[in-house]
N, C-alpha and C. Protein backbone atom coordinates (compact mmCIF):
# COMPACT_ATOMS: atom_id res chain seq x y z
N MET A 1 49.22 100.51 92.21
CA MET A 1 50.49 100.01 91.73
C MET A 1 51.49 100.05 92.87
N ARG A 2 52.09 98.93 93.18
CA ARG A 2 53.08 98.84 94.24
C ARG A 2 54.47 98.86 93.66
N ILE A 3 55.27 99.77 94.13
CA ILE A 3 56.67 99.87 93.70
C ILE A 3 57.52 99.70 94.95
N SER A 4 58.46 98.81 94.90
CA SER A 4 59.29 98.59 96.08
C SER A 4 60.22 99.78 96.30
N LYS A 5 60.66 99.93 97.54
CA LYS A 5 61.56 101.04 97.84
C LYS A 5 62.90 100.85 97.15
N TYR A 6 63.26 99.60 96.84
CA TYR A 6 64.52 99.34 96.15
C TYR A 6 64.45 99.80 94.70
N ALA A 7 63.36 99.47 94.02
CA ALA A 7 63.20 99.89 92.63
C ALA A 7 63.12 101.40 92.53
N LYS A 8 62.42 102.02 93.47
CA LYS A 8 62.30 103.47 93.50
C LYS A 8 63.67 104.12 93.69
N ALA A 9 64.49 103.55 94.56
CA ALA A 9 65.82 104.10 94.82
C ALA A 9 66.74 103.93 93.62
N VAL A 10 66.68 102.79 92.96
CA VAL A 10 67.54 102.54 91.79
C VAL A 10 67.17 103.48 90.65
N VAL A 11 65.89 103.68 90.41
CA VAL A 11 65.47 104.58 89.33
C VAL A 11 65.91 106.01 89.63
N SER A 12 65.77 106.44 90.86
CA SER A 12 66.19 107.80 91.19
C SER A 12 67.71 107.96 91.10
N ALA A 13 68.45 106.92 91.46
CA ALA A 13 69.92 106.98 91.37
C ALA A 13 70.36 107.03 89.92
N VAL A 14 69.73 106.25 89.07
CA VAL A 14 70.07 106.27 87.64
C VAL A 14 69.75 107.64 87.05
N ALA A 15 68.62 108.21 87.42
CA ALA A 15 68.25 109.53 86.91
C ALA A 15 69.23 110.60 87.39
N ALA A 16 69.62 110.55 88.65
CA ALA A 16 70.57 111.53 89.18
C ALA A 16 71.94 111.38 88.52
N GLY A 17 72.39 110.15 88.36
CA GLY A 17 73.68 109.92 87.72
C GLY A 17 73.68 110.34 86.27
N ALA A 18 72.61 110.01 85.55
CA ALA A 18 72.53 110.39 84.14
C ALA A 18 72.46 111.90 83.98
N GLY A 19 71.71 112.55 84.84
CA GLY A 19 71.63 114.01 84.77
C GLY A 19 72.96 114.67 85.06
N SER A 20 73.64 114.17 86.07
CA SER A 20 74.93 114.74 86.43
C SER A 20 75.98 114.49 85.35
N LEU A 21 76.01 113.28 84.82
CA LEU A 21 76.99 112.97 83.78
C LEU A 21 76.67 113.65 82.45
N SER A 22 75.39 113.87 82.15
CA SER A 22 75.06 114.55 80.90
C SER A 22 75.57 115.99 80.91
N VAL A 23 75.57 116.61 82.06
CA VAL A 23 76.14 117.96 82.17
C VAL A 23 77.66 117.88 82.09
N ALA A 24 78.23 116.84 82.67
CA ALA A 24 79.69 116.71 82.71
C ALA A 24 80.30 116.46 81.34
N VAL A 25 79.62 115.77 80.45
CA VAL A 25 80.22 115.42 79.16
C VAL A 25 79.92 116.43 78.05
N THR A 26 79.37 117.58 78.40
CA THR A 26 79.10 118.57 77.36
C THR A 26 80.38 119.08 76.71
N ASP A 27 81.49 119.02 77.44
CA ASP A 27 82.77 119.44 76.86
C ASP A 27 83.64 118.26 76.46
N ASP A 28 83.03 117.07 76.31
CA ASP A 28 83.70 115.84 75.86
C ASP A 28 84.77 115.31 76.81
N THR A 29 84.72 115.70 78.05
CA THR A 29 85.65 115.17 79.04
C THR A 29 84.98 115.20 80.42
N VAL A 30 85.37 114.26 81.25
CA VAL A 30 84.83 114.21 82.61
C VAL A 30 86.00 114.26 83.59
N PRO A 31 86.30 115.44 84.13
CA PRO A 31 87.38 115.55 85.11
C PRO A 31 87.00 114.82 86.41
N ALA A 32 87.97 114.62 87.25
CA ALA A 32 87.75 113.89 88.49
C ALA A 32 86.69 114.56 89.36
N ALA A 33 86.69 115.87 89.41
CA ALA A 33 85.72 116.58 90.25
C ALA A 33 84.28 116.32 89.78
N GLU A 34 84.07 116.30 88.47
CA GLU A 34 82.73 116.03 87.94
C GLU A 34 82.34 114.57 88.15
N GLY A 35 83.31 113.68 88.09
CA GLY A 35 83.06 112.27 88.38
C GLY A 35 82.65 112.05 89.83
N TRP A 36 83.35 112.72 90.74
CA TRP A 36 82.99 112.63 92.15
C TRP A 36 81.62 113.24 92.40
N ALA A 37 81.32 114.33 91.72
CA ALA A 37 80.00 114.96 91.89
C ALA A 37 78.90 114.02 91.41
N ALA A 38 79.13 113.31 90.31
CA ALA A 38 78.14 112.35 89.82
C ALA A 38 77.97 111.21 90.81
N LEU A 39 79.07 110.72 91.37
CA LEU A 39 78.99 109.64 92.35
C LEU A 39 78.23 110.08 93.60
N ILE A 40 78.50 111.28 94.05
CA ILE A 40 77.79 111.80 95.22
C ILE A 40 76.31 111.97 94.93
N ALA A 41 75.97 112.41 93.72
CA ALA A 41 74.56 112.56 93.34
C ALA A 41 73.86 111.21 93.35
N VAL A 42 74.53 110.18 92.84
CA VAL A 42 73.95 108.83 92.82
C VAL A 42 73.74 108.32 94.24
N LEU A 43 74.76 108.45 95.08
CA LEU A 43 74.65 107.96 96.45
C LEU A 43 73.60 108.73 97.25
N ALA A 44 73.52 110.03 97.06
CA ALA A 44 72.51 110.82 97.75
C ALA A 44 71.11 110.43 97.30
N ALA A 45 70.93 110.24 96.02
CA ALA A 45 69.61 109.83 95.52
C ALA A 45 69.23 108.46 96.06
N LEU A 46 70.18 107.53 96.08
CA LEU A 46 69.91 106.21 96.64
C LEU A 46 69.50 106.32 98.10
N GLY A 47 70.27 107.03 98.86
CA GLY A 47 70.02 107.12 100.30
C GLY A 47 68.72 107.81 100.65
N PHE A 48 68.50 108.97 100.07
CA PHE A 48 67.30 109.73 100.41
C PHE A 48 66.04 109.04 99.91
N THR A 49 66.08 108.49 98.71
CA THR A 49 64.89 107.86 98.16
C THR A 49 64.58 106.56 98.89
N TRP A 50 65.60 105.80 99.27
CA TRP A 50 65.38 104.56 99.99
C TRP A 50 64.86 104.84 101.39
N ALA A 51 65.29 105.94 102.00
CA ALA A 51 64.90 106.26 103.37
C ALA A 51 63.46 106.73 103.49
N VAL A 52 62.92 107.34 102.44
CA VAL A 52 61.55 107.85 102.49
C VAL A 52 60.59 106.70 102.20
N PRO A 53 59.68 106.41 103.13
CA PRO A 53 58.78 105.27 102.91
C PRO A 53 57.72 105.61 101.85
N ASN A 54 57.24 104.56 101.19
CA ASN A 54 56.15 104.73 100.25
C ASN A 54 54.88 105.07 101.02
N ARG A 55 54.01 105.83 100.39
CA ARG A 55 52.76 106.20 101.03
C ARG A 55 51.86 104.97 101.11
N GLN A 56 51.22 104.79 102.24
CA GLN A 56 50.31 103.67 102.42
C GLN A 56 48.97 103.98 101.76
N ALA A 57 48.35 102.97 101.18
CA ALA A 57 47.05 103.15 100.53
C ALA A 57 46.01 103.47 101.60
N GLY A 58 45.20 104.48 101.32
CA GLY A 58 44.13 104.86 102.23
C GLY A 58 42.89 104.02 102.02
N GLU A 59 41.84 104.41 102.66
CA GLU A 59 40.60 103.67 102.55
C GLU A 59 39.99 103.76 101.16
N ASP A 60 40.27 104.86 100.46
CA ASP A 60 39.70 105.03 99.13
C ASP A 60 40.57 104.40 98.03
N GLY A 61 41.66 103.72 98.42
CA GLY A 61 42.50 103.01 97.46
C GLY A 61 43.59 103.84 96.82
N ARG A 62 43.73 105.09 97.21
CA ARG A 62 44.79 105.93 96.65
C ARG A 62 45.98 105.96 97.54
């Protein structure tokens, strides 16, 4: 199964943002600091995941 680095990065960014915001809304409000933390989590996930190359298939197909 081939997954592009763009799709991999978007999925990881959505997961990081959702995780960060789910913690932030437990008290029914999202202060600016928690919003910035969610944004930083999304950008970090995008950057790190996009930068790491996908593993190349070996001779055995894995």
